[in-house]
C-alpha atoms as a PDB file:
ATOM      1  CA  MET A   1       0.901  16.814  10.879  1.00  0.00           C
ATOM      2  CA  ARG A   2      -0.404  13.602  12.425  1.00  0.00           C
ATOM      3  CA  HIS A   3      -2.570  11.068  10.643  1.00  0.00           C
ATOM      4  CA  SER A   4      -4.655   8.111  11.645  1.00  0.00           C
ATOM      5  CA  ILE A   5      -4.824   4.538  10.417  1.00  0.00           C
ATOM      6  CA  ALA A   6      -5.410   3.746   6.767  1.00  0.00           C
ATOM      7  CA  THR A   7      -6.951   0.489   5.664  1.00  0.00           C
ATOM      8  CA  ILE A   8      -5.605  -0.654   2.363  1.00  0.00           C
ATOM      9  CA  LEU A   9      -7.537  -3.092   0.231  1.00  0.00           C
ATOM     10  CA  PHE A  10      -5.539  -5.034  -2.283  1.00  0.00           C
ATOM     11  CA  PHE A  11      -7.433  -6.107  -5.393  1.00  0.00           C
ATOM     12  CA  ALA A  12      -4.759  -6.487  -7.991  1.00  0.00           C
ATOM     13  CA  LEU A  13      -4.048  -8.329 -11.189  1.00  0.00           C
ATOM     14  CA  GLY A  14      -4.452 -12.049 -10.686  1.00  0.00           C
ATOM     15  CA  ILE A  15      -6.042 -11.813  -7.268  1.00  0.00           C
ATOM     16  CA  THR A  16      -9.750 -12.471  -6.952  1.00  0.00           C
ATOM     17  CA  ALA A  17     -11.962 -10.756  -4.397  1.00  0.00           C
ATOM     18  CA  ALA A  18     -12.010 -13.984  -2.387  1.00  0.00           C
ATOM     19  CA  GLN A  19      -8.201 -14.000  -2.227  1.00  0.00           C
ATOM     20  CA  ALA A  20      -7.756 -10.281  -1.569  1.00  0.00           C
ATOM     21  CA  SER A  21      -6.496  -9.153   1.782  1.00  0.00           C
ATOM     22  CA  ALA A  22      -7.076  -6.046   3.812  1.00  0.00           C
ATOM     23  CA  VAL A  23      -4.076  -4.834   5.752  1.00  0.00           C
ATOM     24  CA  ARG A  24      -4.182  -2.054   8.324  1.00  0.00           C
ATOM     25  CA  VAL A  25      -1.211   0.273   8.294  1.00  0.00           C
ATOM     26  CA  SER A  26      -0.870   2.867  11.026  1.00  0.00           C
ATOM     27  CA  PHE A  27       0.910   6.100  10.333  1.00  0.00           C
ATOM     28  CA  ALA A  28      -0.329   8.071  13.310  1.00  0.00           C
ATOM     29  CA  ASP A  29       3.256   8.238  14.553  1.00  0.00           C
ATOM     30  CA  LEU A  30       4.545   9.840  11.341  1.00  0.00           C
ATOM     31  CA  ASP A  31       4.772  13.484  10.327  1.00  0.00           C
ATOM     32  CA  LEU A  32       4.231  13.397   6.567  1.00  0.00           C
ATOM     33  CA  SER A  33       5.760  16.852   6.154  1.00  0.00           C
ATOM     34  CA  LYS A  34       9.136  15.191   6.878  1.00  0.00           C
ATOM     35  CA  PRO A  35      10.860  13.295   4.033  1.00  0.00           C
ATOM     36  CA  ALA A  36      12.145  10.584   6.391  1.00  0.00           C
ATOM     37  CA  ASP A  37       8.627   9.882   7.641  1.00  0.00           C
ATOM     38  CA  VAL A  38       7.276   9.771   4.078  1.00  0.00           C
ATOM     39  CA  ALA A  39       9.988   7.215   3.254  1.00  0.00           C
ATOM     40  CA  ALA A  40       9.012   5.199   6.345  1.00  0.00           C
ATOM     41  CA  LEU A  41       5.372   5.241   5.240  1.00  0.00           C
ATOM     42  CA  LYS A  42       6.298   4.040   1.749  1.00  0.00           C
ATOM     43  CA  ASP A  43       8.279   1.202   3.305  1.00  0.00           C
ATOM     44  CA  ARG A  44       5.344   0.228   5.553  1.00  0.00           C
ATOM     45  CA  PHE A  45       2.993   0.230   2.578  1.00  0.00           C
ATOM     46  CA  HIS A  46       5.402  -1.847   0.500  1.00  0.00           C
ATOM     47  CA  ARG A  47       5.761  -4.457   3.263  1.00  0.00           C
ATOM     48  CA  ALA A  48       1.983  -4.526   3.783  1.00  0.00           C
ATOM     49  CA  ALA A  49       1.468  -4.992   0.044  1.00  0.00           C
ATOM     50  CA  GLU A  50       3.892  -7.910  -0.020  1.00  0.00           C
ATOM     51  CA  THR A  51       1.929  -9.503   2.815  1.00  0.00           C
ATOM     52  CA  ALA A  52      -1.454  -8.858   1.213  1.00  0.00           C
ATOM     53  CA  CYS A  53      -0.355 -10.075  -2.203  1.00  0.00           C
ATOM     54  CA  GLY A  54       0.614 -13.388  -0.650  1.00  0.00           C
ATOM     55  CA  PRO A  55       3.730 -15.490  -0.745  1.00  0.00           C
ATOM     56  CA  LEU A  56       5.600 -15.850  -3.977  1.00  0.00           C
ATOM     57  CA  ALA A  57       4.843 -19.491  -4.779  1.00  0.00           C
ATOM     58  CA  TYR A  58       4.906 -21.225  -8.131  1.00  0.00           C
ATOM     59  CA  THR A  59       4.708 -24.562  -9.856  1.00  0.00           C
ATOM     60  CA  ALA A  60       7.279 -25.391 -12.477  1.00  0.00           C
ATOM     61  CA  ASP A  61       6.106 -26.201 -15.982  1.00  0.00           C
ATOM     62  CA  GLY A  62       9.483 -27.402 -17.208  1.00  0.00           C
ATOM     63  CA  GLN A  63      10.073 -24.222 -19.198  1.00  0.00           C
ATOM     64  CA  GLY A  64      10.225 -21.620 -16.488  1.00  0.00           C
ATOM     65  CA  SER A  65       7.373 -19.612 -18.006  1.00  0.00           C
ATOM     66  CA  ARG A  66       5.127 -20.073 -14.973  1.00  0.00           C
ATOM     67  CA  LEU A  67       7.895 -18.864 -12.695  1.00  0.00           C
ATOM     68  CA  VAL A  68       8.366 -15.708 -14.752  1.00  0.00           C
ATOM     69  CA  GLU A  69       4.610 -15.127 -14.931  1.00  0.00           C
ATOM     70  CA  THR A  70       4.228 -15.660 -11.176  1.00  0.00           C
ATOM     71  CA  ILE A  71       7.071 -13.286 -10.358  1.00  0.00           C
ATOM     72  CA  PHE A  72       5.595 -10.687 -12.706  1.00  0.00           C
ATOM     73  CA  ARG A  73       2.082 -11.035 -11.241  1.00  0.00           C
ATOM     74  CA  HIS A  74       3.373 -10.769  -7.674  1.00  0.00           C
ATOM     75  CA  ALA A  75       5.548  -7.730  -8.441  1.00  0.00           C
ATOM     76  CA  ASN A  76       2.613  -6.101 -10.249  1.00  0.00           C
ATOM     77  CA  CYS A  77       0.299  -6.792  -7.303  1.00  0.00           C
ATOM     78  CA  VAL A  78       2.787  -5.247  -4.857  1.00  0.00           C
ATOM     79  CA  ARG A  79       3.356  -2.198  -7.066  1.00  0.00           C
ATOM     80  CA  ARG A  80      -0.339  -1.543  -7.653  1.00  0.00           C
ATOM     81  CA  ALA A  81      -1.255  -2.050  -4.002  1.00  0.00           C
ATOM     82  CA  THR A  82       1.552   0.257  -2.844  1.00  0.00           C
ATOM     83  CA  ASP A  83       0.513   2.929  -5.354  1.00  0.00           C
ATOM     84  CA  ARG A  84      -3.110   2.737  -4.184  1.00  0.00           C
ATOM     85  CA  ALA A  85      -2.079   2.991  -0.541  1.00  0.00           C
ATOM     86  CA  LEU A  86       0.076   6.041  -1.242  1.00  0.00           C
ATOM     87  CA  ALA A  87      -2.816   7.676  -3.094  1.00  0.00           C
ATOM     88  CA  GLN A  88      -5.123   6.935  -0.163  1.00  0.00           C
ATOM     89  CA  ALA A  89      -2.593   8.417   2.287  1.00  0.00           C
ATOM     90  CA  GLU A  90      -2.331  11.558   0.139  1.00  0.00           C
ATOM     91  CA  ILE A  91      -6.118  11.995   0.247  1.00  0.00           C
ATOM     92  CA  ILE A  92      -6.048  11.693   4.035  1.00  0.00           C
ATOM     93  CA  ARG A  93      -3.109  14.118   4.266  1.00  0.00           C
ATOM     94  CA  ARG A  94      -4.884  16.719   2.132  1.00  0.00           C
ATOM     95  CA  ARG A  95      -8.130  16.341   4.065  1.00  0.00           C
ATOM     96  CA  ASN A  96      -6.333  16.805   7.376  1.00  0.00           C
ATOM     97  CA  LEU A  97      -4.425  19.803   6.036  1.00  0.00           C
ATOM     98  CA  THR A  98      -7.687  21.406   4.893  1.00  0.00           C
ATOM     99  CA  LEU A  99      -9.249  20.779   8.304  1.00  0.00           C
ATOM    100  CA  SER A 100      -6.201  22.189  10.079  1.00  0.00           C
ATOM    101  CA  ASN A 101      -6.217  25.308   7.919  1.00  0.00           C
ATOM    102  CA  ALA A 102      -9.941  25.818   8.476  1.00  0.00           C
ATOM    103  CA  MET A 103      -9.521  25.512  12.237  1.00  0.00           C
ATOM    104  CA  ALA A 104      -6.570  27.954  12.196  1.00  0.00           C
ATOM    105  CA  ARG A 105      -8.713  30.591  10.461  1.00  0.00           C
ATOM    106  CA  LYS A 106     -11.419  30.494  13.144  1.00  0.00           C
END
């Protein structure tokens, strides 16, 4: 089953609406009924999330607590954005499957 492009909006912990990024991820070339293509999609979403969540930059406070907090916030942003993208892709997959089944019955 072929799918179109999904636009993923990343509004995650510690990122304001002004800082949020939209990243377009195409998966029209993938067949999501195949495990290898699902894995490829997850990888694309993860890389897009890392891009949208921004570079991992920090300022030292002498105790390392800002570094730990920054790493945690970035990892959380990437995880949440990836999870949202996968949920969005599943909605698209189900919609397309329903449309395909309806067309097959006609």
